[in-house]
Amino acid sequence: MLLMLIGITMTDYEIKKKTTFEVDRKSEAEKDLEDAADKVQAGAKAVANKVRDPNKDLNTEYQKEKIKEKFD
């Protein structure tokens, strides 16, 4: 009977461990997706600024917009 209780406890532990890993992994994927979306938005805004004023440096504009996207 004691062995059965230990077996159940180990199974529950393994299930919780696997579930926790999957949840953490999903959170990381969501963060990566949000980061990619921020970069795309910053790039689009930088290109729009470059079109409005052709003398602006595209890389500088991108860096400015990327910083703004992180704080929004």
PDB file of N, CA and C in Angstrom:
ATOM      1  N   MET A   1       0.824  -1.192   0.000  1.00  0.00           N
ATOM      2  CA  MET A   1       0.000   0.000   0.000  1.00  0.00           C
ATOM      3  C   MET A   1       0.867   1.254   0.000  1.00  0.00           C
ATOM      4  N   LEU A   2       1.936   1.232   0.735  1.00  0.00           N
ATOM      5  CA  LEU A   2       2.860   2.368   0.768  1.00  0.00           C
ATOM      6  C   LEU A   2       3.484   2.593  -0.606  1.00  0.00           C
ATOM      7  N   LEU A   3       3.801   1.525  -1.305  1.00  0.00           N
ATOM      8  CA  LEU A   3       4.378   1.652  -2.639  1.00  0.00           C
ATOM      9  C   LEU A   3       3.389   2.280  -3.612  1.00  0.00           C
ATOM     10  N   MET A   4       2.141   1.985  -3.480  1.00  0.00           N
ATOM     11  CA  MET A   4       1.134   2.566  -4.350  1.00  0.00           C
ATOM     12  C   MET A   4       1.034   4.075  -4.113  1.00  0.00           C
ATOM     13  N   LEU A   5       1.102   4.495  -2.879  1.00  0.00           N
ATOM     14  CA  LEU A   5       1.040   5.929  -2.582  1.00  0.00           C
ATOM     15  C   LEU A   5       2.255   6.656  -3.159  1.00  0.00           C
ATOM     16  N   ILE A   6       3.411   6.064  -3.050  1.00  0.00           N
ATOM     17  CA  ILE A   6       4.613   6.684  -3.602  1.00  0.00           C
ATOM     18  C   ILE A   6       4.506   6.768  -5.118  1.00  0.00           C
ATOM     19  N   GLY A   7       4.000   5.727  -5.748  1.00  0.00           N
ATOM     20  CA  GLY A   7       3.813   5.727  -7.198  1.00  0.00           C
ATOM     21  C   GLY A   7       2.875   6.823  -7.656  1.00  0.00           C
ATOM     22  N   ILE A   8       1.814   7.030  -6.938  1.00  0.00           N
ATOM     23  CA  ILE A   8       0.856   8.082  -7.280  1.00  0.00           C
ATOM     24  C   ILE A   8       1.502   9.451  -7.104  1.00  0.00           C
ATOM     25  N   THR A   9       2.256   9.634  -6.035  1.00  0.00           N
ATOM     26  CA  THR A   9       2.916  10.902  -5.781  1.00  0.00           C
ATOM     27  C   THR A   9       3.916  11.228  -6.886  1.00  0.00           C
ATOM     28  N   MET A  10       4.697  10.244  -7.309  1.00  0.00           N
ATOM     29  CA  MET A  10       5.666  10.474  -8.375  1.00  0.00           C
ATOM     30  C   MET A  10       4.948  10.831  -9.674  1.00  0.00           C
ATOM     31  N   THR A  11       3.866  10.165  -9.957  1.00  0.00           N
ATOM     32  CA  THR A  11       3.120  10.456 -11.180  1.00  0.00           C
ATOM     33  C   THR A  11       2.570  11.878 -11.140  1.00  0.00           C
ATOM     34  N   ASP A  12       2.005  12.270 -10.020  1.00  0.00           N
ATOM     35  CA  ASP A  12       1.488  13.624  -9.885  1.00  0.00           C
ATOM     36  C   ASP A  12       2.607  14.645 -10.042  1.00  0.00           C
ATOM     37  N   TYR A  13       3.750  14.379  -9.444  1.00  0.00           N
ATOM     38  CA  TYR A  13       4.900  15.274  -9.545  1.00  0.00           C
ATOM     39  C   TYR A  13       5.344  15.417 -10.997  1.00  0.00           C
ATOM     40  N   GLU A  14       5.433  14.303 -11.709  1.00  0.00           N
ATOM     41  CA  GLU A  14       5.862  14.337 -13.104  1.00  0.00           C
ATOM     42  C   GLU A  14       4.867  15.108 -13.971  1.00  0.00           C
ATOM     43  N   ILE A  15       3.585  14.932 -13.697  1.00  0.00           N
ATOM     44  CA  ILE A  15       2.566  15.661 -14.457  1.00  0.00           C
ATOM     45  C   ILE A  15       2.693  17.156 -14.202  1.00  0.00           C
ATOM     46  N   LYS A  16       2.847  17.550 -12.953  1.00  0.00           N
ATOM     47  CA  LYS A  16       2.991  18.969 -12.624  1.00  0.00           C
ATOM     48  C   LYS A  16       4.247  19.548 -13.245  1.00  0.00           C
ATOM     49  N   LYS A  17       5.345  18.787 -13.208  1.00  0.00           N
ATOM     50  CA  LYS A  17       6.605  19.255 -13.778  1.00  0.00           C
ATOM     51  C   LYS A  17       6.453  19.480 -15.271  1.00  0.00           C
ATOM     52  N   LYS A  18       5.833  18.550 -15.971  1.00  0.00           N
ATOM     53  CA  LYS A  18       5.638  18.669 -17.413  1.00  0.00           C
ATOM     54  C   LYS A  18       4.709  19.838 -17.727  1.00  0.00           C
ATOM     55  N   THR A  19       3.647  19.972 -16.977  1.00  0.00           N
ATOM     56  CA  THR A  19       2.698  21.060 -17.197  1.00  0.00           C
ATOM     57  C   THR A  19       3.365  22.404 -16.984  1.00  0.00           C
ATOM     58  N   THR A  20       4.158  22.541 -15.947  1.00  0.00           N
ATOM     59  CA  THR A  20       4.862  23.785 -15.673  1.00  0.00           C
ATOM     60  C   THR A  20       5.799  24.128 -16.817  1.00  0.00           C
ATOM     61  N   PHE A  21       6.519  23.149 -17.330  1.00  0.00           N
ATOM     62  CA  PHE A  21       7.439  23.385 -18.438  1.00  0.00           C
ATOM     63  C   PHE A  21       6.676  23.865 -19.666  1.00  0.00           C
ATOM     64  N   GLU A  22       5.537  23.247 -19.962  1.00  0.00           N
ATOM     65  CA  GLU A  22       4.754  23.644 -21.125  1.00  0.00           C
ATOM     66  C   GLU A  22       4.209  25.056 -20.979  1.00  0.00           C
ATOM     67  N   VAL A  23       3.798  25.433 -19.786  1.00  0.00           N
ATOM     68  CA  VAL A  23       3.300  26.781 -19.540  1.00  0.00           C
ATOM     69  C   VAL A  23       4.427  27.785 -19.706  1.00  0.00           C
ATOM     70  N   ASP A  24       5.598  27.511 -19.153  1.00  0.00           N
ATOM     71  CA  ASP A  24       6.739  28.403 -19.289  1.00  0.00           C
ATOM     72  C   ASP A  24       7.140  28.543 -20.752  1.00  0.00           C
ATOM     73  N   ARG A  25       7.091  27.465 -21.474  1.00  0.00           N
ATOM     74  CA  ARG A  25       7.470  27.483 -22.881  1.00  0.00           C
ATOM     75  C   ARG A  25       6.493  28.346 -23.680  1.00  0.00           C
ATOM     76  N   LYS A  26       5.226  28.253 -23.365  1.00  0.00           N
ATOM     77  CA  LYS A  26       4.222  29.060 -24.050  1.00  0.00           C
ATOM     78  C   LYS A  26       4.461  30.536 -23.766  1.00  0.00           C
ATOM     79  N   SER A  27       4.778  30.876 -22.552  1.00  0.00           N
ATOM     80  CA  SER A  27       5.038  32.260 -22.197  1.00  0.00           C
ATOM     81  C   SER A  27       6.229  32.798 -22.976  1.00  0.00           C
ATOM     82  N   GLU A  28       7.245  31.983 -23.129  1.00  0.00           N
ATOM     83  CA  GLU A  28       8.431  32.402 -23.875  1.00  0.00           C
ATOM     84  C   GLU A  28       8.088  32.625 -25.339  1.00  0.00           C
ATOM     85  N   ALA A  29       7.267  31.766 -25.896  1.00  0.00           N
ATOM     86  CA  ALA A  29       6.849  31.915 -27.290  1.00  0.00           C
ATOM     87  C   ALA A  29       6.021  33.184 -27.468  1.00  0.00           C
ATOM     88  N   GLU A  30       5.164  33.464 -26.516  1.00  0.00           N
ATOM     89  CA  GLU A  30       4.364  34.684 -26.585  1.00  0.00           C
ATOM     90  C   GLU A  30       5.250  35.919 -26.513  1.00  0.00           C
ATOM     91  N   LYS A  31       6.248  35.876 -25.649  1.00  0.00           N
ATOM     92  CA  LYS A  31       7.179  37.004 -25.542  1.00  0.00           C
ATOM     93  C   LYS A  31       7.931  37.211 -26.853  1.00  0.00           C
ATOM     94  N   ASP A  32       8.372  36.125 -27.468  1.00  0.00           N
ATOM     95  CA  ASP A  32       9.078  36.220 -28.742  1.00  0.00           C
ATOM     96  C   ASP A  32       8.180  36.809 -29.824  1.00  0.00           C
ATOM     97  N   LEU A  33       6.918  36.404 -29.827  1.00  0.00           N
ATOM     98  CA  LEU A  33       5.973  36.917 -30.813  1.00  0.00           C
ATOM     99  C   LEU A  33       5.731  38.409 -30.610  1.00  0.00           C
ATOM    100  N   GLU A  34       5.569  38.823 -29.371  1.00  0.00           N
ATOM    101  CA  GLU A  34       5.373  40.245 -29.086  1.00  0.00           C
ATOM    102  C   GLU A  34       6.602  41.052 -29.485  1.00  0.00           C
ATOM    103  N   ASP A  35       7.785  40.520 -29.219  1.00  0.00           N
ATOM    104  CA  ASP A  35       9.021  41.196 -29.573  1.00  0.00           C
ATOM    105  C   ASP A  35       9.131  41.354 -31.088  1.00  0.00           C
ATOM    106  N   ALA A  36       8.782  40.309 -31.812  1.00  0.00           N
ATOM    107  CA  ALA A  36       8.821  40.371 -33.276  1.00  0.00           C
ATOM    108  C   ALA A  36       7.827  41.400 -33.803  1.00  0.00           C
ATOM    109  N   ALA A  37       6.643  41.440 -33.212  1.00  0.00           N
ATOM    110  CA  ALA A  37       5.623  42.406 -33.629  1.00  0.00           C
ATOM    111  C   ALA A  37       6.102  43.830 -33.362  1.00  0.00           C
ATOM    112  N   ASP A  38       6.752  44.056 -32.225  1.00  0.00           N
ATOM    113  CA  ASP A  38       7.295  45.383 -31.907  1.00  0.00           C
ATOM    114  C   ASP A  38       8.342  45.802 -32.927  1.00  0.00           C
ATOM    115  N   LYS A  39       9.181  44.859 -33.334  1.00  0.00           N
ATOM    116  CA  LYS A  39      10.224  45.175 -34.316  1.00  0.00           C
ATOM    117  C   LYS A  39       9.622  45.509 -35.674  1.00  0.00           C
ATOM    118  N   VAL A  40       8.591  44.783 -36.068  1.00  0.00           N
ATOM    119  CA  VAL A  40       7.933  45.059 -37.349  1.00  0.00           C
ATOM    120  C   VAL A  40       7.282  46.441 -37.315  1.00  0.00           C
ATOM    121  N   GLN A  41       6.607  46.763 -36.228  1.00  0.00           N
ATOM    122  CA  GLN A  41       5.980  48.079 -36.110  1.00  0.00           C
ATOM    123  C   GLN A  41       7.025  49.185 -36.135  1.00  0.00           C
ATOM    124  N   ALA A  42       8.123  48.988 -35.423  1.00  0.00           N
ATOM    125  CA  ALA A  42       9.185  49.989 -35.400  1.00  0.00           C
ATOM    126  C   ALA A  42       9.775  50.171 -36.792  1.00  0.00           C
ATOM    127  N   GLY A  43       9.969  49.073 -37.507  1.00  0.00           N
ATOM    128  CA  GLY A  43      10.499  49.155 -38.867  1.00  0.00           C
ATOM    129  C   GLY A  43       9.558  49.889 -39.800  1.00  0.00           C
ATOM    130  N   ALA A  44       8.267  49.610 -39.692  1.00  0.00           N
ATOM    131  CA  ALA A  44       7.273  50.278 -40.538  1.00  0.00           C
ATOM    132  C   ALA A  44       7.237  51.778 -40.260  1.00  0.00           C
ATOM    133  N   LYS A  45       7.303  52.145 -39.003  1.00  0.00           N
ATOM    134  CA  LYS A  45       7.300  53.572 -38.652  1.00  0.00           C
ATOM    135  C   LYS A  45       8.571  54.248 -39.122  1.00  0.00           C
ATOM    136  N   ALA A  46       9.700  53.561 -39.037  1.00  0.00           N
ATOM    137  CA  ALA A  46      10.967  54.121 -39.496  1.00  0.00           C
ATOM    138  C   ALA A  46      10.934  54.354 -41.004  1.00  0.00           C
ATOM    139  N   VAL A  47      10.374  53.416 -41.747  1.00  0.00           N
ATOM    140  CA  VAL A  47      10.260  53.581 -43.205  1.00  0.00           C
ATOM    141  C   VAL A  47       9.330  54.755 -43.526  1.00  0.00           C
ATOM    142  N   ALA A  48       8.225  54.870 -42.794  1.00  0.00           N
ATOM    143  CA  ALA A  48       7.306  55.989 -43.015  1.00  0.00           C
ATOM    144  C   ALA A  48       8.006  57.321 -42.757  1.00  0.00           C
ATOM    145  N   ASN A  49       8.817  57.394 -41.709  1.00  0.00           N
ATOM    146  CA  ASN A  49       9.567  58.619 -41.416  1.00  0.00           C
ATOM    147  C   ASN A  49      10.584  58.906 -42.513  1.00  0.00           C
ATOM    148  N   LYS A  50      11.194  57.872 -43.043  1.00  0.00           N
ATOM    149  CA  LYS A  50      12.179  58.024 -44.121  1.00  0.00           C
ATOM    150  C   LYS A  50      11.505  58.537 -45.386  1.00  0.00           C
ATOM    151  N   VAL A  51      10.296  58.052 -45.661  1.00  0.00           N
ATOM    152  CA  VAL A  51       9.557  58.509 -46.847  1.00  0.00           C
ATOM    153  C   VAL A  51       9.183  59.976 -46.696  1.00  0.00           C
ATOM    154  N   ARG A  52       8.759  60.371 -45.494  1.00  0.00           N
ATOM    155  CA  ARG A  52       8.398  61.777 -45.245  1.00  0.00           C
ATOM    156  C   ARG A  52       9.597  62.700 -45.385  1.00  0.00           C
ATOM    157  N   ASP A  53      10.749  62.248 -44.893  1.00  0.00           N
ATOM    158  CA  ASP A  53      11.969  63.058 -44.944  1.00  0.00           C
ATOM    159  C   ASP A  53      13.124  62.177 -45.418  1.00  0.00           C
ATOM    160  N   PRO A  54      13.433  62.201 -46.719  1.00  0.00           N
ATOM    161  CA  PRO A  54      14.467  61.325 -47.278  1.00  0.00           C
ATOM    162  C   PRO A  54      15.876  61.551 -46.707  1.00  0.00           C
ATOM    163  N   ASN A  55      16.103  62.654 -46.034  1.00  0.00           N
ATOM    164  CA  ASN A  55      17.424  62.928 -45.469  1.00  0.00           C
ATOM    165  C   ASN A  55      17.668  62.199 -44.145  1.00  0.00           C
ATOM    166  N   LYS A  56      16.631  61.634 -43.564  1.00  0.00           N
ATOM    167  CA  LYS A  56      16.787  60.910 -42.293  1.00  0.00           C
ATOM    168  C   LYS A  56      17.448  59.561 -42.522  1.00  0.00           C
ATOM    169  N   ASP A  57      18.233  59.153 -41.538  1.00  0.00           N
ATOM    170  CA  ASP A  57      18.901  57.853 -41.592  1.00  0.00           C
ATOM    171  C   ASP A  57      17.915  56.770 -41.146  1.00  0.00           C
ATOM    172  N   LEU A  58      17.731  55.754 -41.973  1.00  0.00           N
ATOM    173  CA  LEU A  58      16.749  54.706 -41.694  1.00  0.00           C
ATOM    174  C   LEU A  58      17.096  53.931 -40.425  1.00  0.00           C
ATOM    175  N   ASN A  59      18.364  53.613 -40.215  1.00  0.00           N
ATOM    176  CA  ASN A  59      18.767  52.858 -39.020  1.00  0.00           C
ATOM    177  C   ASN A  59      18.500  53.665 -37.747  1.00  0.00           C
ATOM    178  N   THR A  60      18.801  54.951 -37.784  1.00  0.00           N
ATOM    179  CA  THR A  60      18.555  55.805 -36.610  1.00  0.00           C
ATOM    180  C   THR A  60      17.068  55.882 -36.306  1.00  0.00           C
ATOM    181  N   GLU A  61      16.270  56.045 -37.343  1.00  0.00           N
ATOM    182  CA  GLU A  61      14.821  56.096 -37.155  1.00  0.00           C
ATOM    183  C   GLU A  61      14.290  54.778 -36.590  1.00  0.00           C
ATOM    184  N   TYR A  62      14.818  53.673 -37.088  1.00  0.00           N
ATOM    185  CA  TYR A  62      14.395  52.362 -36.584  1.00  0.00           C
ATOM    186  C   TYR A  62      14.715  52.227 -35.099  1.00  0.00           C
ATOM    187  N   GLN A  63      15.919  52.621 -34.704  1.00  0.00           N
ATOM    188  CA  GLN A  63      16.311  52.522 -33.292  1.00  0.00           C
ATOM    189  C   GLN A  63      15.412  53.385 -32.409  1.00  0.00           C
ATOM    190  N   LYS A  64      15.079  54.580 -32.873  1.00  0.00           N
ATOM    191  CA  LYS A  64      14.177  55.458 -32.114  1.00  0.00           C
ATOM    192  C   LYS A  64      12.801  54.810 -31.935  1.00  0.00           C
ATOM    193  N   GLU A  65      12.262  54.300 -33.038  1.00  0.00           N
ATOM    194  CA  GLU A  65      10.932  53.692 -32.990  1.00  0.00           C
ATOM    195  C   GLU A  65      10.930  52.411 -32.171  1.00  0.00           C
ATOM    196  N   LYS A  66      12.023  51.653 -32.216  1.00  0.00           N
ATOM    197  CA  LYS A  66      12.113  50.414 -31.436  1.00  0.00           C
ATOM    198  C   LYS A  66      12.050  50.737 -29.943  1.00  0.00           C
ATOM    199  N   ILE A  67      12.734  51.786 -29.548  1.00  0.00           N
ATOM    200  CA  ILE A  67      12.710  52.196 -28.138  1.00  0.00           C
ATOM    201  C   ILE A  67      11.294  52.627 -27.744  1.00  0.00           C
ATOM    202  N   LYS A  68      10.635  53.384 -28.619  1.00  0.00           N
ATOM    203  CA  LYS A  68       9.265  53.809 -28.327  1.00  0.00           C
ATOM    204  C   LYS A  68       8.321  52.611 -28.187  1.00  0.00           C
ATOM    205  N   GLU A  69       8.478  51.599 -29.053  1.00  0.00           N
ATOM    206  CA  GLU A  69       7.620  50.421 -29.013  1.00  0.00           C
ATOM    207  C   GLU A  69       7.815  49.644 -27.716  1.00  0.00           C
ATOM    208  N   LYS A  70       9.027  49.601 -27.193  1.00  0.00           N
ATOM    209  CA  LYS A  70       9.267  48.870 -25.943  1.00  0.00           C
ATOM    210  C   LYS A  70       8.545  49.511 -24.771  1.00  0.00           C
ATOM    211  N   PHE A  71       8.407  50.834 -24.797  1.00  0.00           N
ATOM    212  CA  PHE A  71       7.775  51.543 -23.685  1.00  0.00           C
ATOM    213  C   PHE A  71       6.270  51.662 -23.848  1.00  0.00           C
ATOM    214  N   ASP A  72       5.735  51.366 -25.021  1.00  0.00           N
ATOM    215  CA  ASP A  72       4.275  51.443 -25.239  1.00  0.00           C
ATOM    216  C   ASP A  72       3.583  50.239 -24.700  1.00  0.00           C
TER     217      ASP A  72
END
